[in-house]
Amino acid sequence: INIELTLRSMSDLGGCWLLDNRRSFGIEVNSESNTKEFIISLIHEMVHLTDMKVGKLAYSDSHISWEGQDYERKNGQIFYNNEWAPEGSKHFPWEKMPWGH
């Protein structure tokens, strides 16, 4: 697995995405994070990376797929359980493991 880590100023703590064929991934972490936030964010994004690697989680511009179920995604929101919620919300099942719930 190849991982490209980028630090940049951003409004949230981080993000993760597939670069190509489940072998290369990108991870961004907020450059303004303190050491503890950096480590927590990196581990959090590594859990997402693992979920993508094994096929449990997939992202596109318009959908998120979790364990074979697709959820609509637009304007930084995801439609889940009949309501729109911001991406990264801890009530999504794909966020429960990375946040330790």
C-alpha atoms as a PDB file:
ATOM      1  CA  ILE A   1       0.000   0.000   0.000  1.00  0.00           C
ATOM      2  CA  ASN A   2       1.203   3.488  -0.847  1.00  0.00           C
ATOM      3  CA  ILE A   3       0.016   6.398   1.289  1.00  0.00           C
ATOM      4  CA  GLU A   4       0.486  10.046   0.380  1.00  0.00           C
ATOM      5  CA  LEU A   5       0.207  12.173   3.545  1.00  0.00           C
ATOM      6  CA  THR A   6      -0.507  15.882   3.148  1.00  0.00           C
ATOM      7  CA  LEU A   7      -0.693  18.536   5.833  1.00  0.00           C
ATOM      8  CA  ARG A   8      -2.782  21.610   5.081  1.00  0.00           C
ATOM      9  CA  SER A   9      -4.916  24.171   6.833  1.00  0.00           C
ATOM     10  CA  MET A  10      -8.536  22.998   6.685  1.00  0.00           C
ATOM     11  CA  SER A  11     -11.848  23.372   8.507  1.00  0.00           C
ATOM     12  CA  ASP A  12     -11.958  19.759   9.745  1.00  0.00           C
ATOM     13  CA  LEU A  13      -9.311  17.429  11.146  1.00  0.00           C
ATOM     14  CA  GLY A  14      -8.645  15.330   8.048  1.00  0.00           C
ATOM     15  CA  GLY A  15      -9.739  13.259   5.093  1.00  0.00           C
ATOM     16  CA  CYS A  16      -8.876  10.106   3.157  1.00  0.00           C
ATOM     17  CA  TRP A  17      -9.378   9.024  -0.454  1.00  0.00           C
ATOM     18  CA  LEU A  18      -8.435   6.299  -2.901  1.00  0.00           C
ATOM     19  CA  LEU A  19      -5.853   7.339  -5.498  1.00  0.00           C
ATOM     20  CA  ASP A  20      -5.922   4.166  -7.617  1.00  0.00           C
ATOM     21  CA  ASN A  21      -7.051   0.510  -7.613  1.00  0.00           C
ATOM     22  CA  ARG A  22      -7.005   0.035  -3.814  1.00  0.00           C
ATOM     23  CA  ARG A  23      -3.208   0.259  -3.672  1.00  0.00           C
ATOM     24  CA  SER A  24      -2.576   4.002  -3.289  1.00  0.00           C
ATOM     25  CA  PHE A  25      -4.363   6.332  -0.916  1.00  0.00           C
ATOM     26  CA  GLY A  26      -4.203   9.971   0.072  1.00  0.00           C
ATOM     27  CA  ILE A  27      -4.611  11.228   3.625  1.00  0.00           C
ATOM     28  CA  GLU A  28      -4.880  14.878   4.600  1.00  0.00           C
ATOM     29  CA  VAL A  29      -4.479  16.075   8.154  1.00  0.00           C
ATOM     30  CA  ASN A  30      -5.058  19.603   9.370  1.00  0.00           C
ATOM     31  CA  SER A  31      -1.674  21.330   9.651  1.00  0.00           C
ATOM     32  CA  GLU A  32      -2.971  23.356  12.600  1.00  0.00           C
ATOM     33  CA  SER A  33      -3.587  20.223  14.700  1.00  0.00           C
ATOM     34  CA  ASN A  34      -1.622  19.737  17.874  1.00  0.00           C
ATOM     35  CA  THR A  35       0.313  16.482  18.273  1.00  0.00           C
ATOM     36  CA  LYS A  36      -2.567  14.610  19.941  1.00  0.00           C
ATOM     37  CA  GLU A  37      -5.109  15.758  17.306  1.00  0.00           C
ATOM     38  CA  PHE A  38      -2.670  14.833  14.533  1.00  0.00           C
ATOM     39  CA  ILE A  39      -2.211  11.290  15.842  1.00  0.00           C
ATOM     40  CA  ILE A  40      -5.946  10.777  16.444  1.00  0.00           C
ATOM     41  CA  SER A  41      -6.787  12.131  12.972  1.00  0.00           C
ATOM     42  CA  LEU A  42      -4.155   9.987  11.275  1.00  0.00           C
ATOM     43  CA  ILE A  43      -5.389   6.823  13.019  1.00  0.00           C
ATOM     44  CA  HIS A  44      -9.012   7.763  12.204  1.00  0.00           C
ATOM     45  CA  GLU A  45      -8.194   8.163   8.507  1.00  0.00           C
ATOM     46  CA  MET A  46      -6.179   4.923   8.515  1.00  0.00           C
ATOM     47  CA  VAL A  47      -9.324   3.077   9.673  1.00  0.00           C
ATOM     48  CA  HIS A  48     -11.193   4.574   6.688  1.00  0.00           C
ATOM     49  CA  LEU A  49      -8.298   3.573   4.424  1.00  0.00           C
ATOM     50  CA  THR A  50      -8.520  -0.004   5.720  1.00  0.00           C
ATOM     51  CA  ASP A  51     -12.305  -0.049   5.149  1.00  0.00           C
ATOM     52  CA  MET A  52     -11.737   1.136   1.569  1.00  0.00           C
ATOM     53  CA  LYS A  53      -8.948  -1.391   1.027  1.00  0.00           C
ATOM     54  CA  VAL A  54     -11.156  -4.336   2.039  1.00  0.00           C
ATOM     55  CA  GLY A  55     -14.174  -3.025   0.106  1.00  0.00           C
ATOM     56  CA  LYS A  56     -16.435  -2.042   3.028  1.00  0.00           C
ATOM     57  CA  LEU A  57     -16.337   1.691   2.203  1.00  0.00           C
ATOM     58  CA  ALA A  58     -16.263   3.565  -1.104  1.00  0.00           C
ATOM     59  CA  TYR A  59     -16.651   7.222  -1.998  1.00  0.00           C
ATOM     60  CA  SER A  60     -17.731   8.947  -5.183  1.00  0.00           C
ATOM     61  CA  ASP A  61     -18.686  12.551  -5.808  1.00  0.00           C
ATOM     62  CA  SER A  62     -22.379  11.664  -5.500  1.00  0.00           C
ATOM     63  CA  HIS A  63     -22.501   8.643  -3.145  1.00  0.00           C
ATOM     64  CA  ILE A  64     -20.917   6.826  -0.252  1.00  0.00           C
ATOM     65  CA  SER A  65     -21.163   3.049  -0.208  1.00  0.00           C
ATOM     66  CA  TRP A  66     -20.956   1.289   3.149  1.00  0.00           C
ATOM     67  CA  GLU A  67     -21.129  -2.515   3.234  1.00  0.00           C
ATOM     68  CA  GLY A  68     -22.921  -2.548  -0.136  1.00  0.00           C
ATOM     69  CA  GLN A  69     -25.518   0.126   0.705  1.00  0.00           C
ATOM     70  CA  ASP A  70     -25.322   3.442  -1.196  1.00  0.00           C
ATOM     71  CA  TYR A  71     -26.039   6.806   0.422  1.00  0.00           C
ATOM     72  CA  GLU A  72     -26.522   9.998  -1.574  1.00  0.00           C
ATOM     73  CA  ARG A  73     -23.858  12.662  -1.077  1.00  0.00           C
ATOM     74  CA  LYS A  74     -23.914  16.328  -2.122  1.00  0.00           C
ATOM     75  CA  ASN A  75     -22.784  19.727  -0.906  1.00  0.00           C
ATOM     76  CA  GLY A  76     -20.874  18.254   2.044  1.00  0.00           C
ATOM     77  CA  GLN A  77     -23.959  16.345   3.253  1.00  0.00           C
ATOM     78  CA  ILE A  78     -24.960  12.664   3.211  1.00  0.00           C
ATOM     79  CA  PHE A  79     -28.532  11.364   3.145  1.00  0.00           C
ATOM     80  CA  TYR A  80     -28.762   8.713   5.871  1.00  0.00           C
ATOM     81  CA  ASN A  81     -31.803   7.446   7.832  1.00  0.00           C
ATOM     82  CA  ASN A  82     -34.118   9.795   5.911  1.00  0.00           C
ATOM     83  CA  GLU A  83     -32.209  12.960   6.761  1.00  0.00           C
ATOM     84  CA  TRP A  84     -29.233  14.952   5.545  1.00  0.00           C
ATOM     85  CA  ALA A  85     -26.242  15.180   7.875  1.00  0.00           C
ATOM     86  CA  PRO A  86     -22.784  16.720   7.420  1.00  0.00           C
ATOM     87  CA  GLU A  87     -19.997  14.474   6.161  1.00  0.00           C
ATOM     88  CA  GLY A  88     -17.975  13.146   9.080  1.00  0.00           C
ATOM     89  CA  SER A  89     -20.985  13.040  11.409  1.00  0.00           C
ATOM     90  CA  LYS A  90     -20.345  10.470  14.118  1.00  0.00           C
ATOM     91  CA  HIS A  91     -23.784   8.865  13.706  1.00  0.00           C
ATOM     92  CA  PHE A  92     -22.849   7.303  10.332  1.00  0.00           C
ATOM     93  CA  PRO A  93     -21.934   3.620  10.750  1.00  0.00           C
ATOM     94  CA  TRP A  94     -18.626   4.110   8.865  1.00  0.00           C
ATOM     95  CA  GLU A  95     -17.644   6.754  11.440  1.00  0.00           C
ATOM     96  CA  LYS A  96     -18.438   4.663  14.540  1.00  0.00           C
ATOM     97  CA  MET A  97     -15.309   2.489  14.379  1.00  0.00           C
ATOM     98  CA  PRO A  98     -12.860   5.321  13.623  1.00  0.00           C
ATOM     99  CA  TRP A  99     -14.183   7.316  16.590  1.00  0.00           C
ATOM    100  CA  GLY A 100     -14.179   4.305  18.906  1.00  0.00           C
ATOM    101  CA  HIS A 101     -17.978   3.913  19.268  1.00  0.00           C
END
